[in-house]
Amino acid sequence: MKKIKVVSYWLEIRSDDDSIEHEHESLVKIKNAIYRHVDNIDSCQIKTEVVSVCEYCGRNWTEDSDKYNACCEQDEMDQEKRLRLN
C-alpha cells in the first residue's frame, strides 16, 4: 500500500518592499537556531528567489533588454539619452 512520507518543510518569507533584502543575517540566525533546537535535521538551507524590476519605479521587468523596460518616465528618459548617444 502506498504511504505518503513528508520529506521536507518550507518556511517561506515574502515581502513586497525592499526590507526583505536586508534580512539575510536574521535568516542565518534562525537557521542556526533550527539546528540547535530541532533533532535529526539533515539540511537547513536559505534559498533566495529574485525578480528583475525597474530601478526607478520598482515595476516588474518584462522586456528582453536589460536597459529599457518602457515602464515609467525615468526609464523612457534614459532610453532617449541612449538613443541620442548612438
C-alpha atoms as a PDB file:
ATOM      1  CA  MET A   1       0.000   0.000   0.000  1.00  0.00           C
ATOM      2  CA  LYS A   2       1.243   3.435  -0.877  1.00  0.00           C
ATOM      3  CA  LYS A   3       2.274   5.655   2.005  1.00  0.00           C
ATOM      4  CA  ILE A   4       2.821   9.403   1.867  1.00  0.00           C
ATOM      5  CA  LYS A   5       6.031  10.394   3.621  1.00  0.00           C
ATOM      6  CA  VAL A   6       6.881  14.002   4.452  1.00  0.00           C
ATOM      7  CA  VAL A   7      10.476  14.672   3.452  1.00  0.00           C
ATOM      8  CA  SER A   8      10.725  18.433   3.905  1.00  0.00           C
ATOM      9  CA  TYR A   9       9.015  21.545   5.167  1.00  0.00           C
ATOM     10  CA  TRP A  10       9.428  25.041   3.759  1.00  0.00           C
ATOM     11  CA  LEU A  11       9.290  28.292   5.633  1.00  0.00           C
ATOM     12  CA  GLU A  12       8.720  30.993   3.039  1.00  0.00           C
ATOM     13  CA  ILE A  13       9.146  34.644   3.903  1.00  0.00           C
ATOM     14  CA  ARG A  14       7.935  37.211   1.363  1.00  0.00           C
ATOM     15  CA  SER A  15       7.799  40.977   1.377  1.00  0.00           C
ATOM     16  CA  ASP A  16       6.700  43.468  -1.273  1.00  0.00           C
ATOM     17  CA  ASP A  17       9.103  46.146  -0.111  1.00  0.00           C
ATOM     18  CA  ASP A  18      12.892  46.273  -0.129  1.00  0.00           C
ATOM     19  CA  SER A  19      13.279  45.425   3.573  1.00  0.00           C
ATOM     20  CA  ILE A  20      13.499  41.687   2.839  1.00  0.00           C
ATOM     21  CA  GLU A  21      16.844  42.231   1.088  1.00  0.00           C
ATOM     22  CA  HIS A  22      18.397  43.183   4.421  1.00  0.00           C
ATOM     23  CA  GLU A  23      17.116  40.180   6.366  1.00  0.00           C
ATOM     24  CA  HIS A  24      19.735  37.584   5.364  1.00  0.00           C
ATOM     25  CA  GLU A  25      21.632  37.937   8.652  1.00  0.00           C
ATOM     26  CA  SER A  26      18.423  37.287  10.630  1.00  0.00           C
ATOM     27  CA  LEU A  27      17.683  34.231   8.489  1.00  0.00           C
ATOM     28  CA  VAL A  28      21.130  32.815   9.232  1.00  0.00           C
ATOM     29  CA  LYS A  29      20.408  33.191  12.961  1.00  0.00           C
ATOM     30  CA  ILE A  30      17.047  31.406  12.527  1.00  0.00           C
ATOM     31  CA  LYS A  31      18.729  28.630  10.559  1.00  0.00           C
ATOM     32  CA  ASN A  32      21.334  28.124  13.307  1.00  0.00           C
ATOM     33  CA  ALA A  33      18.576  28.065  15.936  1.00  0.00           C
ATOM     34  CA  ILE A  34      16.755  25.354  13.984  1.00  0.00           C
ATOM     35  CA  TYR A  35      19.872  23.192  14.062  1.00  0.00           C
ATOM     36  CA  ARG A  36      20.168  23.752  17.834  1.00  0.00           C
ATOM     37  CA  HIS A  37      16.527  23.082  18.703  1.00  0.00           C
ATOM     38  CA  VAL A  38      15.271  20.501  16.217  1.00  0.00           C
ATOM     39  CA  ASP A  39      16.613  16.940  16.284  1.00  0.00           C
ATOM     40  CA  ASN A  40      17.521  14.862  13.228  1.00  0.00           C
ATOM     41  CA  ILE A  41      17.890  17.730  10.769  1.00  0.00           C
ATOM     42  CA  ASP A  42      19.948  16.665   7.758  1.00  0.00           C
ATOM     43  CA  SER A  43      19.802  20.000   5.996  1.00  0.00           C
ATOM     44  CA  CYS A  44      18.505  23.507   6.539  1.00  0.00           C
ATOM     45  CA  GLN A  45      19.007  25.947   3.670  1.00  0.00           C
ATOM     46  CA  ILE A  46      18.322  29.556   2.924  1.00  0.00           C
ATOM     47  CA  LYS A  47      17.049  29.844  -0.631  1.00  0.00           C
ATOM     48  CA  THR A  48      16.607  33.156  -2.366  1.00  0.00           C
ATOM     49  CA  GLU A  49      14.158  33.972  -5.127  1.00  0.00           C
ATOM     50  CA  VAL A  50      14.920  37.060  -7.163  1.00  0.00           C
ATOM     51  CA  VAL A  51      12.934  39.074  -9.682  1.00  0.00           C
ATOM     52  CA  SER A  52      14.039  41.791 -12.085  1.00  0.00           C
ATOM     53  CA  VAL A  53      12.478  45.196 -11.501  1.00  0.00           C
ATOM     54  CA  CYS A  54      12.935  48.730 -12.780  1.00  0.00           C
ATOM     55  CA  GLU A  55      15.432  50.646 -10.654  1.00  0.00           C
ATOM     56  CA  TYR A  56      13.217  53.743 -10.764  1.00  0.00           C
ATOM     57  CA  CYS A  57       9.604  52.648 -10.323  1.00  0.00           C
ATOM     58  CA  GLY A  58      10.021  49.094  -8.998  1.00  0.00           C
ATOM     59  CA  ARG A  59       7.690  47.526 -11.577  1.00  0.00           C
ATOM     60  CA  ASN A  60       8.473  44.005 -12.773  1.00  0.00           C
ATOM     61  CA  TRP A  61      10.867  43.859 -15.711  1.00  0.00           C
ATOM     62  CA  THR A  62       9.032  42.474 -18.732  1.00  0.00           C
ATOM     63  CA  GLU A  63      11.368  43.217 -21.640  1.00  0.00           C
ATOM     64  CA  ASP A  64      14.291  41.232 -23.089  1.00  0.00           C
ATOM     65  CA  SER A  65      16.506  44.319 -22.967  1.00  0.00           C
ATOM     66  CA  ASP A  66      18.453  44.898 -19.747  1.00  0.00           C
ATOM     67  CA  LYS A  67      18.367  48.654 -20.290  1.00  0.00           C
ATOM     68  CA  TYR A  68      14.823  49.548 -21.375  1.00  0.00           C
ATOM     69  CA  ASN A  69      11.510  48.344 -19.948  1.00  0.00           C
ATOM     70  CA  ALA A  70       9.127  51.147 -21.055  1.00  0.00           C
ATOM     71  CA  CYS A  71       7.537  51.243 -17.633  1.00  0.00           C
ATOM     72  CA  CYS A  72       7.999  54.782 -16.323  1.00  0.00           C
ATOM     73  CA  GLU A  73       9.013  58.303 -17.259  1.00  0.00           C
ATOM     74  CA  GLN A  74      12.583  57.993 -15.968  1.00  0.00           C
ATOM     75  CA  ASP A  75      13.120  54.755 -17.907  1.00  0.00           C
ATOM     76  CA  GLU A  76      11.805  56.484 -21.044  1.00  0.00           C
ATOM     77  CA  MET A  77      14.154  59.442 -20.478  1.00  0.00           C
ATOM     78  CA  ASP A  78      17.152  57.115 -20.082  1.00  0.00           C
ATOM     79  CA  GLN A  79      16.236  55.355 -23.318  1.00  0.00           C
ATOM     80  CA  GLU A  80      16.029  58.667 -25.179  1.00  0.00           C
ATOM     81  CA  LYS A  81      19.504  59.603 -23.880  1.00  0.00           C
ATOM     82  CA  ARG A  82      20.923  56.269 -25.042  1.00  0.00           C
ATOM     83  CA  LEU A  83      19.399  56.702 -28.493  1.00  0.00           C
ATOM     84  CA  ARG A  84      20.821  60.227 -28.839  1.00  0.00           C
ATOM     85  CA  LEU A  85      24.323  58.948 -27.976  1.00  0.00           C
ATOM     86  CA  ASN A  86      24.212  56.307 -30.696  1.00  0.00           C
END
